[in-house]
């Protein structure tokens, strides 16, 4: 999980961004937690097709 400071393009307001990578089987649990914490959260789901760097060869 990575926390980022963002800026809303439409609202012009500062935003907190959480970037999280998880296994597909955990997706439902993660989405449930997001909905409990912030029901108005904007969520984008995508499949990772490739990754590079930071000793990922050992992790994959």
Protein backbone atom coordinates (compact mmCIF):
# COMPACT_ATOMS: atom_id res chain seq x y z
CA UNK A 1 0.00 0.00 0.00
CA UNK A 2 1.25 3.48 -0.87
CA UNK A 3 -0.23 6.76 0.37
CA UNK A 4 -0.08 9.74 -1.99
CA UNK A 5 -1.07 13.39 -1.81
CA UNK A 6 -3.30 14.34 -4.72
CA UNK A 7 -5.26 17.32 -5.99
CA UNK A 8 -8.83 17.06 -7.26
CA UNK A 9 -9.03 18.34 -10.83
CA UNK A 10 -12.72 19.26 -10.64
CA UNK A 11 -12.96 20.22 -6.96
CA UNK A 12 -9.57 21.87 -6.74
CA UNK A 13 -9.28 20.38 -3.25
CA UNK A 14 -6.42 18.33 -1.80
CA UNK A 15 -7.11 14.59 -1.85
CA UNK A 16 -5.52 11.56 -0.23
CA UNK A 17 -4.84 8.69 -2.62
CA UNK A 18 -4.28 5.10 -1.52
CA UNK A 19 -2.59 2.85 -4.07
CA UNK A 20 -3.01 -0.79 -3.17
CA UNK A 21 -2.01 -3.96 -4.99
CA UNK A 22 -3.59 -7.20 -3.83
CA UNK A 23 -4.35 -10.69 -5.06
CA UNK A 24 -7.60 -11.08 -6.97
CA UNK A 25 -9.00 -13.33 -4.23
CA UNK A 26 -8.70 -10.42 -1.73
CA UNK A 27 -10.47 -7.90 -3.96
CA UNK A 28 -13.91 -8.36 -2.37
CA UNK A 29 -12.51 -7.89 1.15
CA UNK A 30 -10.58 -4.78 0.14
CA UNK A 31 -13.65 -3.29 -1.60
CA UNK A 32 -15.77 -4.01 1.49
CA UNK A 33 -13.29 -2.18 3.73
CA UNK A 34 -13.16 0.78 1.35
CA UNK A 35 -16.97 1.01 1.31
CA UNK A 36 -17.07 1.00 5.13
CA UNK A 37 -14.40 3.68 5.46
CA UNK A 38 -15.58 5.96 2.63
CA UNK A 39 -18.79 5.08 0.78
CA UNK A 40 -18.11 7.94 -1.68
CA UNK A 41 -14.58 6.74 -2.58
CA UNK A 42 -13.59 6.67 -6.24
CA UNK A 43 -12.06 3.23 -6.92
CA UNK A 44 -10.27 1.95 -10.01
CA UNK A 45 -9.60 -1.79 -10.37
CA UNK A 46 -7.17 -3.14 -12.91
CA UNK A 47 -5.18 -6.31 -13.48
CA UNK A 48 -1.40 -6.07 -13.21
CA UNK A 49 0.13 -7.38 -16.42
CA UNK A 50 3.75 -6.68 -15.62
CA UNK A 51 5.92 -5.17 -12.90
CA UNK A 52 9.55 -4.18 -12.69
CA UNK A 53 12.03 -3.25 -9.98
CA UNK A 54 12.70 -3.42 -6.27
CA UNK A 55 13.44 -7.17 -6.09
CA UNK A 56 10.07 -8.13 -7.56
CA UNK A 57 11.61 -11.19 -9.22
CA UNK A 58 11.93 -12.71 -5.74
CA UNK A 59 8.30 -11.82 -4.91
CA UNK A 60 6.81 -13.09 -8.15
